[in-house]
C-alpha atoms as a PDB file:
ATOM      1  CA  MET A   1     143.019   2.766 212.650  1.00  0.00           C
ATOM      2  CA  LYS A   2     145.085   4.391 215.377  1.00  0.00           C
ATOM      3  CA  ILE A   3     148.467   3.815 215.609  1.00  0.00           C
ATOM      4  CA  GLN A   4     150.884   5.345 218.605  1.00  0.00           C
ATOM      5  CA  VAL A   5     154.187   6.244 216.478  1.00  0.00           C
ATOM      6  CA  VAL A   6     157.056   6.127 218.256  1.00  0.00           C
ATOM      7  CA  TYR A   7     160.673   7.967 216.801  1.00  0.00           C
ATOM      8  CA  PHE A   8     164.302   7.394 218.437  1.00  0.00           C
ATOM      9  CA  ALA A   9     167.497   9.197 218.231  1.00  0.00           C
ATOM     10  CA  TRP A  10     168.172  10.961 215.237  1.00  0.00           C
ATOM     11  CA  VAL A  11     164.733  10.024 213.559  1.00  0.00           C
ATOM     12  CA  ARG A  12     162.887  11.490 216.596  1.00  0.00           C
ATOM     13  CA  GLU A  13     165.418  15.343 216.488  1.00  0.00           C
ATOM     14  CA  ARG A  14     164.286  15.513 212.367  1.00  0.00           C
ATOM     15  CA  ILE A  15     160.421  15.033 213.324  1.00  0.00           C
ATOM     16  CA  GLY A  16     160.591  16.978 216.563  1.00  0.00           C
ATOM     17  CA  VAL A  17     158.253  14.671 218.446  1.00  0.00           C
ATOM     18  CA  PRO A  18     159.424  12.101 220.594  1.00  0.00           C
ATOM     19  CA  LYS A  19     155.906   9.737 219.869  1.00  0.00           C
ATOM     20  CA  GLU A  20     152.207  10.750 218.797  1.00  0.00           C
ATOM     21  CA  THR A  21     149.160   8.995 217.406  1.00  0.00           C
ATOM     22  CA  VAL A  22     148.539   9.121 214.069  1.00  0.00           C
ATOM     23  CA  GLU A  23     144.840   8.377 212.365  1.00  0.00           C
ATOM     24  CA  THR A  24     146.190   5.929 209.406  1.00  0.00           C
ATOM     25  CA  GLU A  25     144.122   3.812 206.541  1.00  0.00           C
ATOM     26  CA  ALA A  26     147.798   2.668 205.898  1.00  0.00           C
ATOM     27  CA  LEU A  27     148.220  -1.484 205.082  1.00  0.00           C
ATOM     28  CA  THR A  28     152.095  -2.095 205.316  1.00  0.00           C
ATOM     29  CA  VAL A  29     154.797  -0.136 207.452  1.00  0.00           C
ATOM     30  CA  ALA A  30     156.051   1.201 203.887  1.00  0.00           C
ATOM     31  CA  ASP A  31     151.848   2.884 203.123  1.00  0.00           C
ATOM     32  CA  LEU A  32     152.263   4.306 206.778  1.00  0.00           C
ATOM     33  CA  VAL A  33     155.752   5.912 206.139  1.00  0.00           C
ATOM     34  CA  ALA A  34     154.192   7.252 202.647  1.00  0.00           C
ATOM     35  CA  GLU A  35     151.439   8.884 204.621  1.00  0.00           C
ATOM     36  CA  LEU A  36     153.823  10.465 207.281  1.00  0.00           C
ATOM     37  CA  VAL A  37     156.246  11.608 204.262  1.00  0.00           C
ATOM     38  CA  ALA A  38     153.174  13.435 202.460  1.00  0.00           C
ATOM     39  CA  ARG A  39     152.268  15.320 205.604  1.00  0.00           C
ATOM     40  CA  GLU A  40     155.097  17.288 206.180  1.00  0.00           C
ATOM     41  CA  GLU A  41     158.781  18.211 205.371  1.00  0.00           C
ATOM     42  CA  ARG A  42     160.066  17.095 208.514  1.00  0.00           C
ATOM     43  CA  TYR A  43     158.661  13.563 208.038  1.00  0.00           C
ATOM     44  CA  ALA A  44     160.510  13.342 204.093  1.00  0.00           C
ATOM     45  CA  ALA A  45     163.599  14.705 206.250  1.00  0.00           C
ATOM     46  CA  ALA A  46     163.378  11.714 208.680  1.00  0.00           C
ATOM     47  CA  PHE A  47     162.508   9.300 206.007  1.00  0.00           C
ATOM     48  CA  VAL A  48     164.338   9.773 203.409  1.00  0.00           C
ATOM     49  CA  ASP A  49     166.775   7.419 203.229  1.00  0.00           C
ATOM     50  CA  MET A  50     164.468   4.219 204.624  1.00  0.00           C
ATOM     51  CA  SER A  51     167.348   1.866 204.556  1.00  0.00           C
ATOM     52  CA  VAL A  52     169.336   3.240 207.666  1.00  0.00           C
ATOM     53  CA  VAL A  53     166.187   3.384 209.714  1.00  0.00           C
ATOM     54  CA  ARG A  54     164.980  -0.072 211.533  1.00  0.00           C
ATOM     55  CA  VAL A  55     161.284  -0.844 212.592  1.00  0.00           C
ATOM     56  CA  ALA A  56     159.337  -2.574 214.766  1.00  0.00           C
ATOM     57  CA  LEU A  57     155.720  -2.896 215.495  1.00  0.00           C
ATOM     58  CA  ASP A  58     154.809  -3.951 219.104  1.00  0.00           C
ATOM     59  CA  GLN A  59     158.305  -3.907 219.891  1.00  0.00           C
ATOM     60  CA  ALA A  60     159.196  -6.774 217.070  1.00  0.00           C
ATOM     61  CA  LEU A  61     161.778  -5.996 214.577  1.00  0.00           C
ATOM     62  CA  VAL A  62     159.628  -6.383 210.660  1.00  0.00           C
ATOM     63  CA  ALA A  63     160.536  -5.059 207.336  1.00  0.00           C
ATOM     64  CA  LEU A  64     158.794  -2.570 205.394  1.00  0.00           C
ATOM     65  CA  ASP A  65     156.765  -4.575 203.432  1.00  0.00           C
ATOM     66  CA  THR A  66     155.223  -6.255 206.706  1.00  0.00           C
ATOM     67  CA  PRO A  67     150.986  -5.620 207.006  1.00  0.00           C
ATOM     68  CA  LEU A  68     150.362  -3.394 209.526  1.00  0.00           C
ATOM     69  CA  GLY A  69     147.196  -5.450 211.638  1.00  0.00           C
ATOM     70  CA  GLU A  70     146.156  -4.921 214.862  1.00  0.00           C
ATOM     71  CA  THR A  71     149.242  -3.371 215.590  1.00  0.00           C
ATOM     72  CA  ARG A  72     149.308  -0.963 218.387  1.00  0.00           C
ATOM     73  CA  GLU A  73     152.734   0.738 218.583  1.00  0.00           C
ATOM     74  CA  ILE A  74     155.359   1.407 215.971  1.00  0.00           C
ATOM     75  CA  ALA A  75     158.877   2.415 216.347  1.00  0.00           C
ATOM     76  CA  PHE A  76     161.228   4.583 213.978  1.00  0.00           C
ATOM     77  CA  PHE A  77     164.851   4.455 214.854  1.00  0.00           C
ATOM     78  CA  PRO A  78     168.446   4.017 213.318  1.00  0.00           C
ATOM     79  CA  PRO A  79     170.371   0.317 213.677  1.00  0.00           C
ATOM     80  CA  MET A  80     172.220   0.102 217.573  1.00  0.00           C
ATOM     81  CA  THR A  81     175.760  -0.273 217.627  1.00  0.00           C
ATOM     82  CA  GLY A  82     177.991  -1.703 220.709  1.00  0.00           C
ATOM     83  CA  GLY A  83     180.214   0.351 222.358  1.00  0.00           C
END
């Protein structure tokens, strides 16, 4: 399936693009991350510590083991802070 992947803040800086369309066979968020990490070093650098990366499927926060299902967009971003 094709899915729109959006990157924010330092995740975007490490990967080098704000968004991209990805062809994937991943069943879960974790599967997609593994596919991306296997692609290139820049993804490995961005996703080296998934405990500090948040994920949203179609703008709803989810866990790494969440199935992708019919998701159209997945976003990766660092935790938000107030200020």
